[in-house]
Structures are given as C-alpha cells and as structure tokens.
N, C-alpha and C. Protein backbone atom coordinates (compact mmCIF):
# COMPACT_ATOMS: atom_id res chain seq x y z
N MET A 1 34.50 -23.80 -42.13
CA MET A 1 35.19 -23.36 -43.18
C MET A 1 34.72 -21.94 -43.69
N SER A 2 35.50 -20.96 -43.94
CA SER A 2 35.03 -19.68 -44.48
C SER A 2 34.57 -20.00 -45.95
N LYS A 3 33.71 -19.20 -46.57
CA LYS A 3 33.24 -19.43 -47.88
C LYS A 3 34.41 -19.62 -48.81
N GLY A 4 34.64 -20.76 -49.39
CA GLY A 4 35.69 -20.86 -50.41
C GLY A 4 37.07 -20.67 -49.91
N MET A 5 37.35 -20.82 -48.51
CA MET A 5 38.61 -20.46 -48.12
C MET A 5 38.99 -21.39 -47.08
N VAL A 6 40.24 -21.98 -46.94
CA VAL A 6 40.56 -22.91 -46.01
C VAL A 6 41.34 -21.99 -44.99
N LYS A 7 41.02 -22.21 -43.62
CA LYS A 7 41.60 -21.62 -42.42
C LYS A 7 42.58 -22.67 -41.88
N ILE A 8 43.97 -22.21 -41.82
CA ILE A 8 45.06 -22.97 -41.41
C ILE A 8 45.60 -22.48 -40.23
N LEU A 9 46.02 -23.27 -39.27
CA LEU A 9 46.80 -22.98 -38.08
C LEU A 9 48.15 -23.49 -38.24
N VAL A 10 49.25 -22.69 -38.27
CA VAL A 10 50.55 -23.22 -38.31
C VAL A 10 51.26 -23.04 -36.92
N ALA A 11 51.52 -24.20 -36.10
CA ALA A 11 52.06 -24.14 -34.75
C ALA A 11 53.40 -24.67 -34.65
N CYS A 12 54.17 -23.81 -33.83
CA CYS A 12 55.56 -24.43 -33.38
C CYS A 12 55.64 -24.22 -31.94
N GLY A 13 56.80 -24.60 -31.43
CA GLY A 13 57.08 -24.54 -29.80
C GLY A 13 56.89 -23.03 -29.35
N SER A 14 57.31 -22.04 -29.97
CA SER A 14 57.23 -20.77 -29.54
C SER A 14 56.27 -19.92 -30.25
N GLY A 15 55.74 -20.22 -31.40
CA GLY A 15 54.77 -19.53 -32.13
C GLY A 15 55.44 -18.32 -32.95
N VAL A 16 56.77 -18.52 -33.00
CA VAL A 16 57.52 -17.39 -33.65
C VAL A 16 58.46 -17.83 -34.80
N ALA A 17 59.42 -18.53 -34.33
CA ALA A 17 60.52 -18.92 -35.47
C ALA A 17 60.08 -19.72 -36.57
N THR A 18 60.10 -21.01 -36.10
CA THR A 18 59.84 -22.00 -37.28
C THR A 18 58.45 -21.91 -37.78
N SER A 19 57.47 -21.55 -37.14
CA SER A 19 55.97 -21.44 -37.62
C SER A 19 56.05 -20.32 -38.73
N THR A 20 56.98 -19.21 -38.50
CA THR A 20 57.02 -18.14 -39.43
C THR A 20 57.53 -18.70 -40.85
N VAL A 21 58.65 -19.48 -40.74
CA VAL A 21 59.27 -20.12 -41.87
C VAL A 21 58.21 -21.06 -42.55
N ALA A 22 57.71 -21.88 -41.84
CA ALA A 22 56.55 -22.75 -42.33
C ALA A 22 55.48 -22.05 -42.87
N GLN A 23 54.91 -21.03 -42.37
CA GLN A 23 53.88 -20.19 -42.79
C GLN A 23 54.16 -19.75 -44.14
N GLU A 24 55.38 -19.08 -44.29
CA GLU A 24 55.73 -18.65 -45.57
C GLU A 24 55.92 -19.80 -46.66
N ALA A 25 56.28 -20.90 -46.43
CA ALA A 25 56.41 -22.09 -47.29
C ALA A 25 54.93 -22.60 -47.64
N VAL A 26 54.04 -22.57 -46.62
CA VAL A 26 52.74 -22.96 -46.92
C VAL A 26 52.07 -22.04 -47.81
N LYS A 27 52.25 -20.73 -47.56
CA LYS A 27 51.65 -19.65 -48.49
C LYS A 27 51.92 -19.76 -49.87
N LYS A 28 53.38 -20.16 -50.06
CA LYS A 28 53.89 -20.27 -51.51
C LYS A 28 53.12 -21.48 -52.09
N ILE A 29 53.10 -22.68 -51.37
CA ILE A 29 52.52 -23.78 -52.01
C ILE A 29 50.97 -23.67 -52.37
N LEU A 30 50.30 -22.93 -51.47
CA LEU A 30 48.70 -22.79 -51.71
C LEU A 30 48.67 -21.75 -52.91
N ALA A 31 49.56 -20.70 -52.98
CA ALA A 31 49.45 -19.75 -54.11
C ALA A 31 49.75 -20.43 -55.32
N GLU A 32 50.54 -21.37 -55.48
CA GLU A 32 51.05 -21.95 -56.72
C GLU A 32 49.84 -23.08 -57.00
N ALA A 33 49.07 -23.53 -56.01
CA ALA A 33 48.10 -24.39 -56.24
C ALA A 33 46.63 -23.73 -56.38
N LYS A 34 46.83 -22.35 -56.23
CA LYS A 34 45.63 -21.58 -56.46
C LYS A 34 44.34 -21.98 -55.22
N ILE A 35 44.93 -22.30 -54.22
CA ILE A 35 43.98 -22.51 -53.13
C ILE A 35 43.78 -21.34 -52.09
N PRO A 36 42.71 -20.81 -52.05
CA PRO A 36 42.50 -19.68 -51.02
C PRO A 36 42.65 -19.90 -49.60
N ALA A 37 43.39 -19.24 -48.91
CA ALA A 37 43.70 -19.65 -47.38
C ALA A 37 43.84 -18.46 -46.57
N LYS A 38 43.40 -18.53 -45.30
CA LYS A 38 43.93 -17.66 -44.20
C LYS A 38 44.78 -18.48 -43.31
N ILE A 39 45.97 -17.93 -43.05
CA ILE A 39 46.88 -18.62 -42.25
C ILE A 39 47.06 -17.96 -40.87
N TYR A 40 47.07 -18.71 -39.80
CA TYR A 40 47.26 -18.19 -38.41
C TYR A 40 48.40 -18.92 -37.87
N LYS A 41 49.02 -18.26 -36.81
CA LYS A 41 50.10 -18.84 -36.21
C LYS A 41 49.87 -19.14 -34.72
N SER A 42 50.56 -19.99 -34.11
CA SER A 42 50.34 -20.26 -32.65
C SER A 42 51.44 -20.99 -32.03
N THR A 43 51.36 -21.15 -30.77
CA THR A 43 52.27 -22.12 -30.11
C THR A 43 51.60 -23.49 -30.16
N MET A 44 52.41 -24.61 -29.93
CA MET A 44 51.71 -25.87 -29.75
C MET A 44 50.71 -25.97 -28.62
N SER A 45 51.05 -25.35 -27.45
CA SER A 45 50.01 -25.34 -26.45
C SER A 45 48.74 -24.63 -26.69
N GLU A 46 48.80 -23.82 -27.62
CA GLU A 46 47.50 -22.99 -28.15
C GLU A 46 46.49 -23.74 -28.96
N ILE A 47 47.02 -25.03 -29.44
CA ILE A 47 46.35 -25.68 -30.46
C ILE A 47 44.88 -26.03 -29.90
N PRO A 48 44.61 -26.71 -28.80
CA PRO A 48 43.35 -26.89 -28.29
C PRO A 48 42.45 -25.76 -28.36
N SER A 49 42.76 -24.56 -28.00
CA SER A 49 41.93 -23.39 -27.96
C SER A 49 41.67 -22.83 -29.34
N LYS A 50 42.56 -22.89 -30.18
CA LYS A 50 42.47 -22.35 -31.58
C LYS A 50 41.81 -23.27 -32.52
N ALA A 51 41.90 -24.60 -32.27
CA ALA A 51 41.45 -25.57 -33.28
C ALA A 51 40.08 -25.43 -33.81
N PRO A 52 39.11 -24.97 -32.94
CA PRO A 52 37.67 -24.92 -33.25
C PRO A 52 37.54 -23.82 -34.44
N ASP A 53 38.53 -22.88 -34.54
CA ASP A 53 38.44 -21.83 -35.44
C ASP A 53 38.90 -22.10 -36.78
N VAL A 54 39.74 -23.19 -36.93
CA VAL A 54 40.28 -23.46 -38.15
C VAL A 54 40.05 -24.88 -38.74
N ASP A 55 40.40 -24.95 -39.97
CA ASP A 55 40.08 -26.24 -40.73
C ASP A 55 41.21 -27.27 -40.68
N VAL A 56 42.31 -26.90 -40.60
CA VAL A 56 43.49 -27.78 -40.66
C VAL A 56 44.61 -27.22 -39.95
N ILE A 57 45.46 -28.12 -39.11
CA ILE A 57 46.57 -27.65 -38.30
C ILE A 57 47.74 -28.25 -38.97
N MET A 58 48.80 -27.41 -39.05
CA MET A 58 50.11 -27.86 -39.45
C MET A 58 51.07 -27.54 -38.34
N VAL A 59 51.84 -28.46 -38.19
CA VAL A 59 52.73 -28.39 -36.91
C VAL A 59 54.17 -28.63 -37.40
N THR A 60 55.13 -28.00 -36.62
CA THR A 60 56.59 -28.17 -36.98
C THR A 60 57.24 -29.22 -36.09
N THR A 61 56.52 -29.85 -35.15
CA THR A 61 57.05 -30.82 -34.42
C THR A 61 55.93 -31.78 -34.00
N ASN A 62 56.15 -32.90 -33.36
CA ASN A 62 55.15 -33.84 -32.99
C ASN A 62 53.97 -33.15 -32.14
N TYR A 63 52.88 -33.52 -32.48
CA TYR A 63 51.67 -33.04 -31.62
C TYR A 63 50.79 -34.40 -31.43
N ARG A 64 50.97 -34.82 -30.11
CA ARG A 64 50.42 -36.05 -29.67
C ARG A 64 48.88 -35.99 -29.09
N ASN A 65 48.48 -34.74 -28.79
CA ASN A 65 47.09 -34.74 -28.36
C ASN A 65 46.06 -34.93 -29.44
N SER A 66 44.85 -35.37 -29.08
CA SER A 66 43.79 -35.57 -30.08
C SER A 66 43.10 -34.13 -30.40
N VAL A 67 42.88 -34.03 -31.64
CA VAL A 67 42.09 -32.96 -32.15
C VAL A 67 41.24 -33.50 -33.36
N ASP A 68 40.05 -32.67 -33.36
CA ASP A 68 39.17 -33.28 -34.52
C ASP A 68 39.41 -32.55 -35.77
N LYS A 69 40.61 -32.12 -36.13
CA LYS A 69 40.91 -31.51 -37.44
C LYS A 69 42.10 -32.26 -38.00
N PRO A 70 42.27 -32.19 -39.40
CA PRO A 70 43.55 -32.83 -39.86
C PRO A 70 44.69 -32.20 -39.34
N VAL A 71 45.78 -32.93 -39.05
CA VAL A 71 46.95 -32.41 -38.64
C VAL A 71 48.04 -32.76 -39.55
N ILE A 72 48.93 -31.87 -40.10
CA ILE A 72 49.88 -32.21 -41.04
C ILE A 72 51.30 -31.72 -40.42
N LYS A 73 52.25 -32.59 -40.43
CA LYS A 73 53.57 -32.18 -39.82
C LYS A 73 54.34 -31.62 -41.07
N VAL A 74 54.82 -30.45 -40.94
CA VAL A 74 55.41 -29.48 -41.87
C VAL A 74 56.89 -29.15 -41.59
N PHE A 75 57.49 -29.97 -40.76
CA PHE A 75 58.89 -29.43 -40.41
C PHE A 75 59.72 -29.81 -41.80
N GLY A 76 59.40 -30.66 -42.65
CA GLY A 76 60.12 -30.98 -43.77
C GLY A 76 60.12 -29.80 -44.66
N LEU A 77 59.33 -28.85 -44.61
CA LEU A 77 59.40 -27.73 -45.55
C LEU A 77 60.54 -26.75 -45.09
N ILE A 78 60.91 -26.98 -43.74
CA ILE A 78 61.93 -26.13 -43.26
C ILE A 78 63.30 -27.03 -43.64
N SER A 79 63.18 -28.26 -43.27
CA SER A 79 64.50 -29.08 -43.37
C SER A 79 64.77 -29.60 -44.88
N GLY A 80 63.71 -29.63 -45.60
CA GLY A 80 63.73 -30.10 -47.05
C GLY A 80 63.75 -31.61 -47.08
N ILE A 81 63.56 -32.28 -46.03
CA ILE A 81 63.27 -33.79 -46.00
C ILE A 81 61.70 -33.98 -46.17
N GLY A 82 61.47 -34.81 -47.23
CA GLY A 82 60.19 -35.27 -47.42
C GLY A 82 59.27 -33.94 -48.04
N GLU A 83 59.90 -33.06 -48.49
CA GLU A 83 59.14 -31.83 -48.91
C GLU A 83 58.19 -32.14 -50.00
N ALA A 84 58.52 -32.73 -50.91
CA ALA A 84 57.47 -33.13 -51.97
C ALA A 84 56.15 -33.78 -51.54
N ALA A 85 56.38 -34.66 -50.52
CA ALA A 85 55.21 -35.50 -49.95
C ALA A 85 54.43 -34.51 -49.14
N ILE A 86 54.96 -33.73 -48.42
CA ILE A 86 54.28 -32.69 -47.54
C ILE A 86 53.48 -31.86 -48.35
N LYS A 87 54.11 -31.28 -49.43
CA LYS A 87 53.45 -30.45 -50.27
C LYS A 87 52.27 -31.11 -50.89
N LYS A 88 52.39 -32.34 -51.38
CA LYS A 88 51.28 -33.08 -51.83
C LYS A 88 50.08 -33.15 -50.76
N GLU A 89 50.55 -33.54 -49.60
CA GLU A 89 49.52 -33.70 -48.46
C GLU A 89 48.84 -32.42 -48.21
N ILE A 90 49.43 -31.34 -48.19
CA ILE A 90 48.81 -30.03 -48.00
C ILE A 90 47.86 -29.76 -49.05
N ILE A 91 48.32 -29.83 -50.32
CA ILE A 91 47.43 -29.61 -51.40
C ILE A 91 46.10 -30.46 -51.42
N GLU A 92 46.38 -31.75 -51.17
CA GLU A 92 45.27 -32.65 -51.30
C GLU A 92 44.25 -32.45 -50.08
N THR A 93 44.76 -32.14 -48.91
CA THR A 93 43.98 -31.92 -47.69
C THR A 93 43.14 -30.80 -47.89
N CYS A 94 43.74 -29.65 -48.30
CA CYS A 94 43.04 -28.27 -48.52
C CYS A 94 42.09 -28.35 -49.72
N ASN A 95 42.30 -29.11 -50.81
CA ASN A 95 41.49 -29.24 -51.86
C ASN A 95 40.12 -30.08 -51.37
N GLY A 96 40.51 -31.06 -50.56
CA GLY A 96 39.51 -31.88 -50.08
C GLY A 96 38.52 -30.96 -49.19
N LEU A 97 39.03 -30.20 -48.26
CA LEU A 97 38.27 -29.43 -47.53
C LEU A 97 37.34 -28.34 -48.35
N LEU A 98 37.86 -27.94 -49.63
CA LEU A 98 37.05 -27.12 -50.35
C LEU A 98 36.21 -27.80 -51.27
N GLY A 99 36.24 -29.29 -51.32
CA GLY A 99 35.32 -30.04 -52.15
C GLY A 99 35.95 -30.22 -53.42
N LYS A 100 37.21 -30.05 -53.76
CA LYS A 100 37.84 -30.12 -55.09
C LYS A 100 38.66 -31.53 -54.90
N GLU A 101 38.89 -32.00 -56.18
CA GLU A 101 39.56 -33.22 -56.27
C GLU A 101 41.11 -32.93 -56.59
C-alpha cells in the first residue's frame, strides 16, 4: 500500500464501460468518507497480472479465480441493488487497509 493511500483496481469485462461507471461511484464514496485512494481500471482477465500492484480489487461481475487481495463486487453501485451494503463494505475494507476503524 502506498503511504496512507489505498490502491484499488476496478475491473469489468471490457475494462471500459461498467468499470468507468463503477470507478466514478467508488471515487465519490471514498471522497465522502475522506479515504485517499488511487483507482485503476482493467478487464477481468488482467486481474491476475495487476493484483500484486493494488490493495483491493472491485469487480462488476463474478470473479471466481483465487487472488490474495480483498475482492468486492460493486455491480450494485451501477444497478442500485444493495448499494448501501456495498458502500459500507468499501469504506470498511479501505479503512481496514489504512489501519483505521
């Protein structure tokens, strides 16, 4: 983890459409929670090669492979389904990575 900053990978099937929408939603959530972060986008197939460089991975679809980083499903930020729970999970996970409660 960078000094006091969470590095996040937001991934979707193409690395363009839904990850862009999810990225903007995550940026807003983190700004409101005053959590410093750097967000990167990728395709789902790029996760294994990019995972070592980030602290948490957020996906817009199911990711079934094993990875040694927290994985958060964020499609609900786009659909609106379960949005509050996802927001809470993002904040708690990022604060945990920063050593905050």
